[in-house]
Protein backbone atom coordinates (compact mmCIF):
# COMPACT_ATOMS: atom_id res chain seq x y z
CA MET A 1 4.94 24.39 0.68
CA LYS A 2 3.10 21.46 2.25
CA THR A 3 4.66 18.03 2.70
CA TYR A 4 2.70 14.80 3.04
CA LEU A 5 3.31 11.10 3.46
CA VAL A 6 0.61 9.22 1.54
CA LEU A 7 0.20 5.49 2.03
CA LEU A 8 -0.87 3.94 -1.25
CA GLY A 9 -0.51 0.34 -0.11
CA THR A 10 0.27 -1.12 3.32
CA GLY A 11 0.02 -4.83 2.56
CA THR A 12 2.31 -7.85 2.32
CA PRO A 13 2.64 -10.71 -0.20
CA ASN A 14 -0.74 -11.95 1.07
CA ALA A 15 -3.67 -10.97 -1.17
CA CYS A 16 -5.46 -9.05 1.54
CA PRO A 17 -8.64 -7.41 0.21
CA ASN A 18 -8.18 -4.20 2.21
CA ALA A 19 -4.43 -3.62 1.83
CA SER A 20 -2.82 -3.06 -1.56
CA GLY A 21 0.80 -3.94 -2.26
CA PRO A 22 3.45 -1.87 -0.48
CA SER A 23 3.78 1.63 -1.87
CA SER A 24 3.99 5.09 -0.39
CA ALA A 25 4.54 8.60 -1.64
CA VAL A 26 6.37 11.58 -0.20
CA VAL A 27 4.57 14.60 -1.64
CA VAL A 28 6.20 18.03 -1.54
CA GLY A 29 4.05 20.72 -3.09
CA ASP A 30 3.04 19.55 -6.55
CA ARG A 31 5.59 16.73 -6.79
CA ALA A 32 5.28 13.12 -5.69
CA TYR A 33 8.14 10.73 -4.98
CA LEU A 34 7.01 7.10 -4.87
CA VAL A 35 8.67 4.46 -2.73
CA ASP A 36 7.96 0.95 -4.05
CA PHE A 37 5.27 -0.07 -6.50
CA GLY A 38 3.24 -3.00 -5.25
CA PRO A 39 0.13 -4.33 -6.97
CA GLY A 40 -2.48 -1.64 -7.65
CA VAL A 41 -0.08 1.29 -7.32
CA VAL A 42 -1.48 3.52 -10.08
CA ARG A 43 -5.13 3.03 -9.11
CA GLN A 44 -4.22 3.77 -5.50
CA ALA A 45 -2.46 6.94 -6.65
CA SER A 46 -5.60 7.87 -8.58
CA LYS A 47 -7.69 7.38 -5.43
CA ALA A 48 -5.33 9.67 -3.53
CA TYR A 49 -5.63 12.23 -6.33
CA TYR A 50 -9.40 12.20 -5.93
CA LYS A 51 -8.88 12.73 -2.19
CA GLY A 52 -7.14 16.00 -3.01
CA ILE A 53 -3.48 15.09 -3.54
CA ASP A 54 -2.97 16.63 -6.99
CA ALA A 55 0.63 15.43 -7.28
CA LEU A 56 -0.60 11.83 -7.43
CA ARG A 57 -2.62 12.24 -10.60
CA PRO A 58 -1.36 9.23 -12.59
CA ASP A 59 0.18 11.16 -15.48
CA ARG A 60 2.25 13.11 -12.93
CA LEU A 61 3.97 10.00 -11.56
CA THR A 62 7.53 10.49 -12.78
CA THR A 63 9.93 9.61 -9.93
CA ALA A 64 10.11 6.38 -7.94
CA PHE A 65 12.44 4.58 -5.54
CA CYS A 66 12.53 0.81 -5.04
CA THR A 67 13.58 -0.65 -1.69
CA HIS A 68 14.18 -4.21 -2.96
CA LEU A 69 13.09 -6.56 -5.71
CA HIS A 70 10.57 -8.79 -3.91
CA THR A 71 7.39 -9.22 -5.94
CA ASP A 72 5.06 -7.58 -3.44
CA HIS A 73 7.09 -4.37 -3.77
CA THR A 74 7.51 -4.51 -7.57
CA ALA A 75 4.53 -6.35 -9.09
CA GLY A 76 3.01 -2.98 -9.97
CA TYR A 77 6.10 -1.85 -11.90
CA ALA A 78 4.62 -2.49 -15.36
CA ASP A 79 1.52 -0.57 -14.25
CA LEU A 80 3.68 2.37 -13.18
CA ILE A 81 5.60 2.34 -16.47
CA PHE A 82 2.68 2.05 -18.86
CA THR A 83 -0.60 3.24 -17.33
CA PRO A 84 0.53 6.85 -16.76
CA TRP A 85 1.84 6.86 -20.35
CA VAL A 86 -1.56 5.73 -21.63
CA LEU A 87 -2.93 8.65 -19.59
CA GLU A 88 -0.52 10.98 -21.42
CA ARG A 89 2.51 11.22 -19.18
CA GLU A 90 4.89 13.22 -21.35
CA THR A 91 8.22 12.54 -19.63
CA PRO A 92 10.10 9.32 -18.93
CA LEU A 93 9.74 7.62 -15.57
CA THR A 94 12.88 7.91 -13.42
CA VAL A 95 13.52 4.97 -11.11
CA PHE A 96 16.17 4.38 -8.44
CA GLY A 97 16.77 0.96 -6.93
CA PRO A 98 19.14 -1.89 -6.13
CA LYS A 99 21.15 -3.90 -8.60
CA GLY A 100 18.77 -5.85 -10.79
CA ILE A 101 16.24 -3.07 -11.29
CA ARG A 102 17.71 -2.31 -14.72
CA ASN A 103 17.38 -5.93 -15.81
CA MET A 104 13.79 -6.02 -14.51
CA THR A 105 12.98 -2.83 -16.41
CA GLU A 106 14.42 -4.10 -19.67
CA HIS A 107 12.47 -7.36 -19.44
CA ILE A 108 9.20 -5.54 -18.71
CA GLN A 109 9.78 -3.31 -21.72
CA ALA A 110 10.48 -6.37 -23.86
CA ALA A 111 7.40 -8.17 -22.56
CA TYR A 112 5.17 -5.29 -23.64
CA ALA A 113 6.83 -4.71 -27.02
CA VAL A 114 3.60 -5.45 -28.91
CA ASP A 115 1.65 -2.92 -26.86
CA ILE A 116 4.37 -0.28 -27.20
CA ASP A 117 4.50 -0.75 -30.96
CA PHE A 118 0.74 -0.45 -31.32
CA ARG A 119 0.50 2.69 -29.20
CA LEU A 120 3.38 4.32 -31.07
CA HIS A 121 2.42 3.30 -34.60
CA GLY A 122 -1.23 2.27 -34.47
CA PHE A 123 -4.39 4.32 -34.29
CA GLU A 124 -3.62 6.04 -30.97
CA ARG A 125 -0.25 7.60 -31.77
CA ALA A 126 0.80 8.06 -28.15
CA ASN A 127 3.78 10.27 -27.33
CA GLU A 128 7.18 8.67 -27.78
CA VAL A 129 8.71 9.27 -24.36
CA GLY A 130 6.12 8.56 -21.65
CA TYR A 131 6.81 4.80 -21.57
CA GLN A 132 10.57 5.19 -21.34
CA VAL A 133 12.40 4.62 -18.05
CA LYS A 134 15.60 6.20 -16.81
CA VAL A 135 17.02 3.60 -14.43
CA HIS A 136 19.61 4.28 -11.73
CA GLU A 137 21.11 1.35 -9.82
CA ILE A 138 22.19 2.81 -6.52
CA GLY A 139 24.53 2.45 -3.59
CA GLU A 140 24.47 4.11 -0.18
CA GLY A 141 24.48 7.87 0.17
CA VAL A 142 22.55 10.77 -1.30
CA ILE A 143 21.19 9.40 -4.57
CA TYR A 144 18.76 12.15 -5.59
CA GLN A 145 18.35 15.86 -5.06
CA ASP A 146 16.21 18.59 -6.59
CA ASP A 147 14.86 21.92 -5.37
CA ARG A 148 12.33 20.16 -3.10
CA VAL A 149 14.05 17.14 -1.53
CA SER A 150 17.27 15.31 -0.89
CA VAL A 151 17.02 11.50 -0.79
CA GLU A 152 19.54 9.34 1.04
CA ALA A 153 19.62 5.57 0.58
CA PHE A 154 21.08 3.28 3.24
CA LEU A 155 21.40 -0.48 3.38
CA VAL A 156 19.09 -2.52 5.58
CA SER A 157 18.94 -6.27 6.24
CA HIS A 158 16.40 -8.42 4.40
CA GLY A 159 17.98 -11.81 3.97
CA THR A 160 20.23 -12.12 0.94
CA LEU A 161 18.50 -9.36 -1.03
CA GLU A 162 20.16 -6.00 -1.55
CA SER A 163 17.67 -3.77 0.25
CA TYR A 164 17.55 -0.06 0.98
CA ALA A 165 15.69 2.28 3.26
CA TYR A 166 15.21 5.90 2.21
CA LYS A 167 15.54 9.16 4.11
CA PHE A 168 13.76 12.14 2.54
CA THR A 169 14.79 15.60 3.72
CA THR A 170 12.89 18.55 2.31
CA MET A 171 14.51 21.91 1.69
CA ASP A 172 12.67 23.32 4.72
CA GLY A 173 13.97 20.57 7.01
CA LYS A 174 11.13 18.04 7.14
CA VAL A 175 12.36 14.43 7.42
CA ILE A 176 10.57 11.21 6.49
CA VAL A 177 12.28 7.81 6.76
CA ILE A 178 10.85 4.71 5.06
CA SER A 179 12.29 1.38 6.16
CA GLY A 180 11.25 -1.04 3.44
CA ASP A 181 11.52 -4.65 4.61
CA THR A 182 14.21 -5.13 7.23
CA ALA A 183 15.30 -6.79 10.41
CA PRO A 184 15.61 -4.35 13.34
CA LEU A 185 18.74 -2.23 12.90
CA ASP A 186 20.52 0.49 14.82
CA VAL A 187 21.21 2.29 11.53
CA VAL A 188 17.49 2.85 11.02
CA ALA A 189 17.26 4.44 14.46
CA GLN A 190 20.29 6.59 13.72
CA LYS A 191 19.03 7.80 10.34
CA ALA A 192 15.54 8.42 11.74
CA LYS A 193 16.74 10.27 14.85
CA GLY A 194 14.21 13.03 15.58
CA CYS A 195 12.53 12.66 12.18
CA ASP A 196 9.00 13.85 11.52
CA ILE A 197 7.72 10.44 10.39
CA LEU A 198 9.25 6.96 10.54
CA LEU A 199 7.32 4.54 8.34
CA HIS A 200 8.42 1.06 9.40
CA GLU A 201 7.39 -2.51 8.69
CA VAL A 202 6.27 -4.67 11.63
CA GLU A 203 5.13 -8.16 12.54
CA TYR A 204 2.91 -9.32 15.38
CA SER A 205 5.21 -10.76 18.05
CA ALA A 206 2.64 -13.02 19.70
CA GLY A 207 1.38 -14.27 16.36
CA ILE A 208 4.74 -15.62 15.22
CA ALA A 209 4.36 -18.49 17.70
CA CYS A 210 1.63 -19.88 15.40
CA ARG A 211 4.19 -20.59 12.67
CA GLU A 212 6.46 -23.59 12.13
CA PRO A 213 9.94 -23.22 13.65
CA LYS A 214 11.57 -22.72 10.22
CA TRP A 215 9.23 -19.80 9.49
CA GLN A 216 9.76 -18.33 12.93
CA LYS A 217 13.51 -18.35 12.26
CA TYR A 218 13.06 -16.78 8.83
CA HIS A 219 10.79 -13.99 10.02
CA ARG A 220 12.96 -13.10 12.99
CA GLU A 221 15.96 -12.73 10.66
CA VAL A 222 14.38 -10.65 7.89
CA HIS A 223 11.52 -8.69 9.49
CA THR A 224 10.98 -6.60 12.62
CA LEU A 225 8.91 -7.84 15.53
CA SER A 226 6.76 -5.22 17.24
CA THR A 227 8.83 -5.62 20.40
CA ASP A 228 12.01 -4.89 18.45
CA LEU A 229 10.40 -1.98 16.61
CA ALA A 230 9.72 -0.45 20.00
CA LYS A 231 13.47 -0.45 20.69
CA VAL A 232 14.27 1.11 17.31
CA ALA A 233 11.65 3.80 17.84
CA GLN A 234 12.78 4.45 21.40
CA GLN A 235 16.25 5.22 20.05
CA ALA A 236 14.99 7.26 17.11
CA GLN A 237 12.25 9.23 18.89
CA PRO A 238 10.35 10.16 15.71
CA LYS A 239 7.55 12.67 16.05
CA LEU A 240 5.28 9.98 14.57
CA LEU A 241 5.86 6.25 14.10
CA VAL A 242 3.66 4.69 11.40
CA THR A 243 3.55 0.93 10.86
CA TYR A 244 2.91 -0.74 7.52
CA HIS A 245 3.58 -4.11 5.85
CA ARG A 246 2.10 -5.68 8.98
CA ILE A 247 2.58 -9.44 9.22
CA TYR A 248 0.02 -10.94 11.57
CA HIS A 249 0.89 -14.68 11.47
CA MET A 250 -2.76 -15.39 12.23
CA ASN A 251 -5.20 -17.79 10.59
CA ILE A 252 -7.47 -15.04 9.26
CA GLN A 253 -10.83 -16.45 8.19
CA ASP A 254 -12.26 -16.05 4.70
CA ASN A 255 -15.55 -14.63 5.95
CA THR A 256 -15.52 -10.84 5.44
CA GLN A 257 -16.96 -10.05 8.86
CA ASN A 258 -14.35 -12.22 10.59
CA LEU A 259 -11.58 -10.76 8.45
CA GLU A 260 -12.34 -7.19 9.44
CA HIS A 261 -12.78 -8.10 13.09
CA GLU A 262 -9.62 -10.21 13.37
CA MET A 263 -7.42 -7.73 11.50
CA ALA A 264 -8.66 -4.87 13.65
CA TRP A 265 -7.92 -6.96 16.74
CA CYS A 266 -4.41 -7.79 15.49
CA CYS A 267 -3.71 -4.14 14.69
CA GLU A 268 -4.60 -3.10 18.21
CA ALA A 269 -2.54 -5.96 19.62
CA ILE A 270 0.52 -4.80 17.64
CA LEU A 271 0.18 -1.27 19.00
CA GLN A 272 -0.15 -2.64 22.52
CA GLU A 273 2.97 -4.78 22.07
CA ILE A 274 4.93 -1.71 20.94
CA LYS A 275 3.77 0.25 23.98
CA ASP A 276 4.32 -2.65 26.40
CA ALA A 277 7.88 -3.02 25.08
CA GLY A 278 8.66 0.48 26.31
CA TYR A 279 7.90 2.89 23.48
CA ASP A 280 5.84 5.82 24.73
CA GLY A 281 5.86 7.98 21.61
CA LYS A 282 3.03 8.57 19.16
CA VAL A 283 2.41 5.51 16.99
CA VAL A 284 -0.36 4.57 14.55
CA ASN A 285 -1.04 1.68 12.20
CA GLY A 286 -1.06 3.05 8.67
CA GLN A 287 -3.94 2.06 6.40
CA ASP A 288 -4.25 2.34 2.63
CA LEU A 289 -4.84 5.95 1.52
CA ASP A 290 -3.95 7.46 4.90
CA ILE A 291 -2.48 10.94 4.45
CA PHE A 292 -0.13 12.42 7.03
CA GLU A 293 0.80 16.08 6.81
CA VAL A 294 4.30 16.78 8.05
């Protein structure tokens, strides 16, 4: 049974035209397990489906894990609840996340009460379960297990928010660790020790000098500089390190040609910083709709 990591969105809160909101999927056989649901999540899943990942057909999206409640990681939540239902998902969505995810779910359901009523009682007569959500507010430890995967949640550090990283272990021993947003932590290295893929956020170390001192302080406390990611990865020694949620701290121009050029330059600079800081393992910058077979 094949296992994949599919990057649905690799962006940040910035409205970057070539990076959707943070979301990824661990795919084991014909099942997909989403981690986060940034803006555009269902359409990105549909694109992956048309690239050959059958498990990401929108009506098959039934299980998701939320790292934390920042908008860039959750602004696609309503999309994930309702669009697959419109496309005839026949089971409730099951969601795991930090405290507050239940309240968020209930308010989204209330906000769309008119739509729900029309689809249930109007001309369409949609099924009565596909829009429902089974919410689990989690703590640390193994929070989910089926015949394909075991999922462990562990706390990371992202300011005052309750934030989790997730470790997926398949029944045949494949391991994928997804950091979410976090400062550099030894626990990430420990949980990811020898894993097949470590998907980790990163920010451009040289670029942070362009920011005001207050923002430099903030970013150093809640995100992971490339130089610090190198240390985490050196401890963990994953078979593949993949970066996402890349924060460049650069004044990217509006012109499309400049945007593509400058972002490509920053991506290469981040990789070089990781290597220069002492990490000699395999590392790539993840892009939207990249598919990694484990």
